[in-house]
C-alpha atoms as a PDB file:
ATOM      1  CA  MET A   1       8.703   1.176   0.853  1.00  0.00           C
ATOM      2  CA  GLY A   2      11.096  -1.285   2.535  1.00  0.00           C
ATOM      3  CA  THR A   3      13.341  -3.727   0.781  1.00  0.00           C
ATOM      4  CA  SER A   4      12.266  -7.323   0.956  1.00  0.00           C
ATOM      5  CA  SER A   5      14.700  -9.708   2.584  1.00  0.00           C
ATOM      6  CA  PRO A   6      15.513 -12.952   0.809  1.00  0.00           C
ATOM      7  CA  THR A   7      13.428 -15.890   1.895  1.00  0.00           C
ATOM      8  CA  GLU A   8      15.303 -18.039   4.396  1.00  0.00           C
ATOM      9  CA  PRO A   9      15.283 -21.777   3.686  1.00  0.00           C
ATOM     10  CA  ALA A  10      13.053 -23.816   5.952  1.00  0.00           C
ATOM     11  CA  PRO A  11      14.981 -25.707   8.624  1.00  0.00           C
ATOM     12  CA  THR A  12      15.633 -29.337   7.774  1.00  0.00           C
ATOM     13  CA  LEU A  13      14.043 -31.712  10.235  1.00  0.00           C
ATOM     14  CA  PRO A  14      16.051 -34.740  11.325  1.00  0.00           C
ATOM     15  CA  ASP A  15      15.194 -37.991   9.588  1.00  0.00           C
ATOM     16  CA  PRO A  16      13.833 -40.381  12.243  1.00  0.00           C
ATOM     17  CA  VAL A  17      14.794 -43.427  10.188  1.00  0.00           C
ATOM     18  CA  ALA A  18      18.389 -42.176   9.885  1.00  0.00           C
ATOM     19  CA  ILE A  19      18.512 -41.524  13.628  1.00  0.00           C
ATOM     20  CA  GLU A  20      17.191 -45.012  14.306  1.00  0.00           C
ATOM     21  CA  ARG A  21      19.749 -46.603  11.981  1.00  0.00           C
ATOM     22  CA  LYS A  22      22.584 -44.658  13.603  1.00  0.00           C
ATOM     23  CA  GLY A  23      21.480 -45.760  17.053  1.00  0.00           C
ATOM     24  CA  LEU A  24      21.075 -49.362  15.961  1.00  0.00           C
ATOM     25  CA  ALA A  25      24.617 -49.282  14.553  1.00  0.00           C
ATOM     26  CA  GLY A  26      25.846 -48.455  18.058  1.00  0.00           C
ATOM     27  CA  THR A  27      23.761 -51.340  19.389  1.00  0.00           C
ATOM     28  CA  TRP A  28      25.343 -53.770  16.907  1.00  0.00           C
ATOM     29  CA  ILE A  29      28.835 -52.570  17.819  1.00  0.00           C
ATOM     30  CA  LEU A  30      28.113 -53.104  21.522  1.00  0.00           C
ATOM     31  CA  GLY A  31      26.646 -56.526  20.823  1.00  0.00           C
ATOM     32  CA  ALA A  32      29.648 -57.638  18.768  1.00  0.00           C
ATOM     33  CA  ALA A  33      32.126 -56.397  21.370  1.00  0.00           C
ATOM     34  CA  TRP A  34      30.205 -57.967  24.241  1.00  0.00           C
ATOM     35  CA  THR A  35      30.168 -61.298  22.387  1.00  0.00           C
ATOM     36  CA  ALA A  36      33.829 -61.531  21.345  1.00  0.00           C
ATOM     37  CA  LEU A  37      35.801 -59.950  24.199  1.00  0.00           C
ATOM     38  CA  PRO A  38      34.549 -62.100  27.113  1.00  0.00           C
ATOM     39  CA  ALA A  39      35.186 -65.311  25.194  1.00  0.00           C
ATOM     40  CA  LEU A  40      38.797 -64.328  24.490  1.00  0.00           C
ATOM     41  CA  LEU A  41      39.728 -62.759  27.822  1.00  0.00           C
ATOM     42  CA  GLY A  42      38.070 -65.474  29.914  1.00  0.00           C
ATOM     43  CA  PHE A  43      40.730 -68.014  28.966  1.00  0.00           C
ATOM     44  CA  TRP A  44      43.440 -65.513  29.871  1.00  0.00           C
ATOM     45  CA  LEU A  45      41.929 -64.966  33.330  1.00  0.00           C
ATOM     46  CA  LEU A  46      41.693 -68.683  34.077  1.00  0.00           C
ATOM     47  CA  ALA A  47      45.260 -69.240  32.851  1.00  0.00           C
ATOM     48  CA  ARG A  48      46.489 -66.479  35.186  1.00  0.00           C
ATOM     49  CA  ILE A  49      44.335 -67.410  38.168  1.00  0.00           C
ATOM     50  CA  GLY A  50      47.402 -68.377  40.227  1.00  0.00           C
ATOM     51  CA  PRO A  51      49.268 -65.038  40.283  1.00  0.00           C
ATOM     52  CA  ILE A  52      46.014 -63.056  40.349  1.00  0.00           C
ATOM     53  CA  SER A  53      44.723 -64.991  43.363  1.00  0.00           C
ATOM     54  CA  GLU A  54      48.084 -64.589  45.119  1.00  0.00           C
ATOM     55  CA  TRP A  55      47.955 -60.834  44.630  1.00  0.00           C
ATOM     56  CA  LEU A  56      44.389 -60.578  45.920  1.00  0.00           C
ATOM     57  CA  ALA A  57      45.178 -62.798  48.907  1.00  0.00           C
ATOM     58  CA  SER A  58      48.169 -60.598  49.745  1.00  0.00           C
ATOM     59  CA  HIS A  59      45.742 -57.713  50.357  1.00  0.00           C
ATOM     60  CA  PRO A  60      43.445 -59.298  52.974  1.00  0.00           C
ATOM     61  CA  GLY A  61      41.644 -56.095  53.903  1.00  0.00           C
ATOM     62  CA  GLU A  62      40.927 -54.495  50.553  1.00  0.00           C
ATOM     63  CA  GLY A  63      41.424 -57.502  48.261  1.00  0.00           C
ATOM     64  CA  ILE A  64      37.781 -58.511  48.232  1.00  0.00           C
ATOM     65  CA  TRP A  65      36.676 -54.948  47.471  1.00  0.00           C
ATOM     66  CA  ILE A  66      39.199 -54.737  44.637  1.00  0.00           C
ATOM     67  CA  TYR A  67      37.772 -57.997  43.311  1.00  0.00           C
ATOM     68  CA  VAL A  68      34.189 -56.722  43.468  1.00  0.00           C
ATOM     69  CA  GLY A  69      35.122 -53.431  41.806  1.00  0.00           C
ATOM     70  CA  LEU A  70      37.093 -55.042  38.988  1.00  0.00           C
ATOM     71  CA  PHE A  71      34.352 -57.665  38.547  1.00  0.00           C
ATOM     72  CA  ALA A  72      31.758 -54.895  38.184  1.00  0.00           C
ATOM     73  CA  LEU A  73      33.850 -52.878  35.714  1.00  0.00           C
ATOM     74  CA  SER A  74      34.887 -55.805  33.516  1.00  0.00           C
ATOM     75  CA  ALA A  75      31.395 -57.344  33.496  1.00  0.00           C
ATOM     76  CA  GLY A  76      29.642 -54.021  32.946  1.00  0.00           C
ATOM     77  CA  PHE A  77      31.901 -53.076  30.047  1.00  0.00           C
ATOM     78  CA  GLY A  78      31.689 -56.603  28.617  1.00  0.00           C
ATOM     79  CA  LEU A  79      35.400 -57.381  28.939  1.00  0.00           C
ATOM     80  CA  LEU A  80      35.413 -60.624  30.936  1.00  0.00           C
ATOM     81  CA  PRO A  81      32.954 -63.520  31.216  1.00  0.00           C
ATOM     82  CA  THR A  82      31.198 -63.742  34.548  1.00  0.00           C
ATOM     83  CA  TYR A  83      31.816 -67.474  34.948  1.00  0.00           C
ATOM     84  CA  ALA A  84      35.597 -66.927  34.982  1.00  0.00           C
ATOM     85  CA  GLN A  85      35.285 -64.152  37.553  1.00  0.00           C
ATOM     86  CA  SER A  86      33.019 -66.286  39.728  1.00  0.00           C
ATOM     87  CA  ILE A  87      35.629 -69.050  39.602  1.00  0.00           C
ATOM     88  CA  LEU A  88      38.285 -66.539  40.664  1.00  0.00           C
ATOM     89  CA  GLY A  89      36.125 -65.450  43.611  1.00  0.00           C
ATOM     90  CA  GLY A  90      35.676 -69.015  44.800  1.00  0.00           C
ATOM     91  CA  TRP A  91      39.364 -69.805  44.337  1.00  0.00           C
ATOM     92  CA  VAL A  92      40.525 -66.815  46.392  1.00  0.00           C
ATOM     93  CA  PHE A  93      37.783 -66.140  48.945  1.00  0.00           C
ATOM     94  CA  GLY A  94      36.073 -69.496  49.408  1.00  0.00           C
ATOM     95  CA  LEU A  95      32.374 -70.245  49.456  1.00  0.00           C
ATOM     96  CA  ALA A  96      31.116 -68.024  52.280  1.00  0.00           C
ATOM     97  CA  ALA A  97      32.771 -64.818  51.032  1.00  0.00           C
ATOM     98  CA  GLY A  98      33.101 -65.713  47.346  1.00  0.00           C
ATOM     99  CA  VAL A  99      29.364 -65.969  46.621  1.00  0.00           C
ATOM    100  CA  PRO A 100      28.344 -62.537  48.008  1.00  0.00           C
ATOM    101  CA  ALA A 101      31.477 -60.952  46.509  1.00  0.00           C
ATOM    102  CA  ALA A 102      30.659 -62.341  43.060  1.00  0.00           C
ATOM    103  CA  LEU A 103      27.012 -61.282  43.373  1.00  0.00           C
ATOM    104  CA  GLY A 104      28.190 -57.803  44.353  1.00  0.00           C
ATOM    105  CA  GLY A 105      30.250 -57.755  41.166  1.00  0.00           C
ATOM    106  CA  PHE A 106      27.205 -58.852  39.184  1.00  0.00           C
ATOM    107  CA  ALA A 107      25.092 -56.067  40.685  1.00  0.00           C
ATOM    108  CA  GLY A 108      27.734 -53.448  39.918  1.00  0.00           C
ATOM    109  CA  GLY A 109      28.228 -54.795  36.411  1.00  0.00           C
ATOM    110  CA  ALA A 110      24.484 -54.719  35.799  1.00  0.00           C
ATOM    111  CA  VAL A 111      24.374 -51.059  36.848  1.00  0.00           C
ATOM    112  CA  ILE A 112      27.214 -50.160  34.461  1.00  0.00           C
ATOM    113  CA  GLY A 113      25.755 -52.175  31.587  1.00  0.00           C
ATOM    114  CA  PHE A 114      22.322 -50.648  32.180  1.00  0.00           C
ATOM    115  CA  LEU A 115      23.687 -47.093  32.049  1.00  0.00           C
ATOM    116  CA  ILE A 116      25.831 -47.744  28.950  1.00  0.00           C
ATOM    117  CA  THR A 117      22.883 -49.244  27.094  1.00  0.00           C
ATOM    118  CA  ARG A 118      20.552 -46.408  28.042  1.00  0.00           C
ATOM    119  CA  LEU A 119      23.095 -43.908  26.707  1.00  0.00           C
ATOM    120  CA  VAL A 120      23.912 -45.753  23.489  1.00  0.00           C
ATOM    121  CA  ALA A 121      20.986 -47.858  22.364  1.00  0.00           C
ATOM    122  CA  LYS A 122      17.728 -47.381  24.264  1.00  0.00           C
ATOM    123  CA  GLN A 123      16.064 -44.759  22.061  1.00  0.00           C
ATOM    124  CA  SER A 124      16.884 -46.468  18.780  1.00  0.00           C
ATOM    125  CA  LEU A 125      15.704 -49.884  19.944  1.00  0.00           C
ATOM    126  CA  GLU A 126      12.499 -48.480  21.435  1.00  0.00           C
ATOM    127  CA  THR A 127      11.785 -46.829  18.077  1.00  0.00           C
ATOM    128  CA  ALA A 128      12.482 -50.074  16.248  1.00  0.00           C
ATOM    129  CA  ILE A 129      10.232 -52.047  18.606  1.00  0.00           C
ATOM    130  CA  ALA A 130       7.434 -49.501  18.173  1.00  0.00           C
ATOM    131  CA  ARG A 131       7.577 -50.086  14.397  1.00  0.00           C
ATOM    132  CA  HIS A 132       6.976 -53.837  14.866  1.00  0.00           C
ATOM    133  CA  PRO A 133       3.673 -54.628  16.632  1.00  0.00           C
ATOM    134  CA  ARG A 134       4.618 -58.205  17.534  1.00  0.00           C
ATOM    135  CA  ALA A 135       7.805 -57.053  19.277  1.00  0.00           C
ATOM    136  CA  SER A 136       5.798 -54.466  21.196  1.00  0.00           C
ATOM    137  CA  VAL A 137       3.302 -57.100  22.333  1.00  0.00           C
ATOM    138  CA  ILE A 138       6.083 -59.401  23.561  1.00  0.00           C
ATOM    139  CA  ARG A 139       7.816 -56.612  25.450  1.00  0.00           C
ATOM    140  CA  GLU A 140       4.570 -55.478  27.059  1.00  0.00           C
ATOM    141  CA  SER A 141       3.791 -59.038  28.076  1.00  0.00           C
ATOM    142  CA  LEU A 142       7.174 -59.531  29.723  1.00  0.00           C
ATOM    143  CA  ILE A 143       7.806 -56.212  31.476  1.00  0.00           C
ATOM    144  CA  GLY A 144       4.478 -54.381  31.463  1.00  0.00           C
ATOM    145  CA  HIS A 145       2.833 -55.993  34.478  1.00  0.00           C
ATOM    146  CA  GLY A 146       4.319 -54.422  37.577  1.00  0.00           C
ATOM    147  CA  PHE A 147       7.424 -54.634  39.744  1.00  0.00           C
ATOM    148  CA  GLY A 148       7.140 -58.235  40.942  1.00  0.00           C
ATOM    149  CA  ARG A 149       6.536 -59.717  37.525  1.00  0.00           C
ATOM    150  CA  THR A 150       9.430 -57.736  36.022  1.00  0.00           C
ATOM    151  CA  VAL A 151      11.767 -59.030  38.750  1.00  0.00           C
ATOM    152  CA  LEU A 152      10.577 -62.563  38.016  1.00  0.00           C
ATOM    153  CA  VAL A 153      11.106 -62.228  34.261  1.00  0.00           C
ATOM    154  CA  VAL A 154      14.582 -60.713  34.642  1.00  0.00           C
ATOM    155  CA  ALA A 155      15.562 -63.473  37.098  1.00  0.00           C
ATOM    156  CA  LEU A 156      14.322 -66.175  34.721  1.00  0.00           C
ATOM    157  CA  LEU A 157      16.188 -64.622  31.806  1.00  0.00           C
ATOM    158  CA  ARG A 158      19.407 -64.614  33.858  1.00  0.00           C
ATOM    159  CA  MET A 159      19.245 -68.256  34.956  1.00  0.00           C
ATOM    160  CA  PRO A 160      20.036 -70.224  31.771  1.00  0.00           C
ATOM    161  CA  PRO A 161      23.752 -70.986  31.237  1.00  0.00           C
ATOM    162  CA  ASN A 162      23.572 -69.697  27.637  1.00  0.00           C
ATOM    163  CA  SER A 163      22.497 -66.215  28.763  1.00  0.00           C
ATOM    164  CA  PRO A 164      25.576 -63.959  28.260  1.00  0.00           C
ATOM    165  CA  PHE A 165      25.666 -61.323  30.975  1.00  0.00           C
ATOM    166  CA  ALA A 166      26.653 -58.273  28.899  1.00  0.00           C
ATOM    167  CA  LEU A 167      24.301 -59.092  26.028  1.00  0.00           C
ATOM    168  CA  SER A 168      21.438 -59.647  28.473  1.00  0.00           C
ATOM    169  CA  ASN A 169      22.163 -56.205  29.929  1.00  0.00           C
ATOM    170  CA  LEU A 170      21.981 -54.755  26.431  1.00  0.00           C
ATOM    171  CA  VAL A 171      18.680 -56.394  25.514  1.00  0.00           C
ATOM    172  CA  MET A 172      16.820 -55.846  28.759  1.00  0.00           C
ATOM    173  CA  ALA A 173      17.959 -52.278  29.418  1.00  0.00           C
ATOM    174  CA  ALA A 174      17.312 -51.254  25.819  1.00  0.00           C
ATOM    175  CA  THR A 175      13.781 -52.645  25.812  1.00  0.00           C
ATOM    176  CA  GLY A 176      12.668 -50.599  28.798  1.00  0.00           C
ATOM    177  CA  VAL A 177      13.147 -52.675  31.944  1.00  0.00           C
ATOM    178  CA  ARG A 178      13.129 -50.363  34.946  1.00  0.00           C
ATOM    179  CA  PHE A 179      16.297 -50.015  37.002  1.00  0.00           C
ATOM    180  CA  ALA A 180      15.259 -51.437  40.404  1.00  0.00           C
ATOM    181  CA  PRO A 181      13.634 -54.682  39.167  1.00  0.00           C
ATOM    182  CA  PHE A 182      16.472 -55.095  36.665  1.00  0.00           C
ATOM    183  CA  ILE A 183      19.118 -55.097  39.408  1.00  0.00           C
ATOM    184  CA  LEU A 184      17.100 -57.199  41.875  1.00  0.00           C
ATOM    185  CA  GLY A 185      16.137 -59.740  39.215  1.00  0.00           C
ATOM    186  CA  THR A 186      19.761 -59.942  38.096  1.00  0.00           C
ATOM    187  CA  VAL A 187      21.036 -60.810  41.583  1.00  0.00           C
ATOM    188  CA  ILE A 188      18.291 -63.399  42.134  1.00  0.00           C
ATOM    189  CA  GLY A 189      18.700 -65.012  38.736  1.00  0.00           C
ATOM    190  CA  MET A 190      22.490 -65.192  38.861  1.00  0.00           C
ATOM    191  CA  THR A 191      22.657 -66.699  42.353  1.00  0.00           C
ATOM    192  CA  PRO A 192      22.244 -70.433  41.493  1.00  0.00           C
ATOM    193  CA  ARG A 193      24.933 -70.707  38.828  1.00  0.00           C
ATOM    194  CA  THR A 194      27.238 -68.310  40.670  1.00  0.00           C
ATOM    195  CA  ALA A 195      27.065 -70.426  43.824  1.00  0.00           C
ATOM    196  CA  LEU A 196      27.851 -73.561  41.805  1.00  0.00           C
ATOM    197  CA  ALA A 197      30.863 -71.974  40.063  1.00  0.00           C
ATOM    198  CA  VAL A 198      32.221 -70.581  43.342  1.00  0.00           C
ATOM    199  CA  TRP A 199      31.763 -73.940  45.072  1.00  0.00           C
ATOM    200  CA  LEU A 200      33.567 -75.787  42.288  1.00  0.00           C
ATOM    201  CA  ALA A 201      36.521 -73.366  42.385  1.00  0.00           C
ATOM    202  CA  HIS A 202      36.661 -73.439  46.186  1.00  0.00           C
ATOM    203  CA  SER A 203      36.738 -77.248  46.152  1.00  0.00           C
ATOM    204  CA  ALA A 204      39.632 -77.231  43.679  1.00  0.00           C
ATOM    205  CA  ALA A 205      41.590 -74.595  45.617  1.00  0.00           C
ATOM    206  CA  ALA A 206      41.055 -76.506  48.858  1.00  0.00           C
ATOM    207  CA  THR A 207      43.331 -79.269  47.521  1.00  0.00           C
ATOM    208  CA  GLY A 208      46.274 -76.878  47.914  1.00  0.00           C
ATOM    209  CA  ALA A 209      46.855 -76.389  44.178  1.00  0.00           C
ATOM    210  CA  ALA A 210      48.385 -73.029  43.265  1.00  0.00           C
ATOM    211  CA  ASP A 211      46.385 -72.712  40.064  1.00  0.00           C
ATOM    212  CA  ILE A 212      44.146 -74.685  37.724  1.00  0.00           C
ATOM    213  CA  GLN A 213      47.102 -76.095  35.787  1.00  0.00           C
ATOM    214  CA  GLY A 214      48.647 -77.377  39.012  1.00  0.00           C
ATOM    215  CA  PHE A 215      45.350 -78.906  40.066  1.00  0.00           C
ATOM    216  CA  LEU A 216      45.035 -80.804  36.794  1.00  0.00           C
ATOM    217  CA  GLN A 217      48.622 -82.102  36.904  1.00  0.00           C
ATOM    218  CA  GLU A 218      47.984 -84.178  40.014  1.00  0.00           C
ATOM    219  CA  PRO A 219      46.921 -87.781  39.210  1.00  0.00           C
ATOM    220  CA  GLY A 220      43.199 -88.375  39.433  1.00  0.00           C
ATOM    221  CA  ARG A 221      42.230 -84.730  39.746  1.00  0.00           C
ATOM    222  CA  GLY A 222      41.265 -84.432  36.104  1.00  0.00           C
ATOM    223  CA  TRP A 223      38.438 -86.890  36.708  1.00  0.00           C
ATOM    224  CA  ILE A 224      37.375 -85.048  39.840  1.00  0.00           C
ATOM    225  CA  LEU A 225      37.210 -81.788  37.913  1.00  0.00           C
ATOM    226  CA  ALA A 226      35.389 -83.421  35.005  1.00  0.00           C
ATOM    227  CA  VAL A 227      32.758 -84.907  37.321  1.00  0.00           C
ATOM    228  CA  GLY A 228      32.366 -81.578  39.097  1.00  0.00           C
ATOM    229  CA  VAL A 229      32.013 -79.615  35.850  1.00  0.00           C
ATOM    230  CA  VAL A 230      29.550 -82.101  34.379  1.00  0.00           C
ATOM    231  CA  SER A 231      27.503 -82.076  37.579  1.00  0.00           C
ATOM    232  CA  MET A 232      27.473 -78.282  37.590  1.00  0.00           C
ATOM    233  CA  LEU A 233      26.429 -78.141  33.930  1.00  0.00           C
ATOM    234  CA  VAL A 234      23.632 -80.634  34.517  1.00  0.00           C
ATOM    235  CA  VAL A 235      22.276 -78.677  37.476  1.00  0.00           C
ATOM    236  CA  VAL A 236      22.554 -75.361  35.631  1.00  0.00           C
ATOM    237  CA  ALA A 237      20.924 -76.869  32.531  1.00  0.00           C
ATOM    238  CA  ILE A 238      18.010 -78.115  34.654  1.00  0.00           C
ATOM    239  CA  ILE A 239      17.638 -74.673  36.219  1.00  0.00           C
ATOM    240  CA  GLY A 240      17.798 -73.107  32.757  1.00  0.00           C
ATOM    241  CA  ALA A 241      15.154 -75.466  31.385  1.00  0.00           C
ATOM    242  CA  MET A 242      12.858 -74.668  34.303  1.00  0.00           C
ATOM    243  CA  ALA A 243      13.425 -70.943  33.709  1.00  0.00           C
ATOM    244  CA  LYS A 244      12.650 -71.265  29.992  1.00  0.00           C
ATOM    245  CA  ALA A 245       9.462 -73.194  30.754  1.00  0.00           C
ATOM    246  CA  ALA A 246       8.385 -70.512  33.219  1.00  0.00           C
ATOM    247  CA  LEU A 247       9.126 -67.787  30.659  1.00  0.00           C
ATOM    248  CA  ALA A 248       7.069 -69.644  28.067  1.00  0.00           C
ATOM    249  CA  ARG A 249       4.082 -69.609  30.413  1.00  0.00           C
ATOM    250  CA  LEU A 250       4.496 -65.850  30.926  1.00  0.00           C
ATOM    251  CA  SER A 251       4.863 -65.015  27.222  1.00  0.00           C
ATOM    252  CA  PRO A 252       1.931 -64.302  24.853  1.00  0.00           C
ATOM    253  CA  GLY A 253      -0.113 -67.437  24.373  1.00  0.00           C
ATOM    254  CA  GLY A 254       1.334 -69.093  27.476  1.00  0.00           C
ATOM    255  CA  ARG A 255      -0.932 -70.449  30.180  1.00  0.00           C
ATOM    256  CA  GLY A 256       0.231 -67.855  32.674  1.00  0.00           C
ATOM    257  CA  HIS A 257      -0.293 -64.903  30.339  1.00  0.00           C
ATOM    258  CA  ALA A 258      -2.839 -62.471  31.698  1.00  0.00           C
END
């Protein structure tokens, strides 16, 4: 007659709610960092645009690639605001090269932000959305209707001036937007305001000023800059309002909702 072995305790299954809360904590940390850091470091970049532009211009062959790479890294990791980097591109490289260089930085930053979000927050946010039927309906309405519609929605979400780049990466990647339409929609949606920022910076640099402070010190240039900034904000606001109206038609209850 054999000896009976002591009963082993049943394995403890992981608590899905605890896993969700842990993942959402990472999401909140990312969101807080991607809100505060760009606002602080953007002013530093604009204040240092003179020496930074001189250094980039002193490397005519690889300077633009360094710019694109640093743009992608700083935007993807949520360190610098994209408007400041677009201004730098226009200041250094002009309109013809500055726009595609800045858009290349946006595309690279979107890839990095997408991958970070998928690693840190996607599972927890998908679980949270699944627990709230209304959130699931909204997500399905916006991204559940094929490649073309997803590209359109991502582009419209990128257009408004109050759409922070890093936070938009976090929200869209975490809610299940597929990679290819996410990147394509990002480039399309960011093009209008990027082109305006690059043009404004190129126009200021074309006066021969070494930096923004030098540009503003010349008599009369403050008004020129003010008119240019106001004009840019008006155009971007109009584009943003059109994008929001289009999104409203695509959302549940909108006229364009299928």
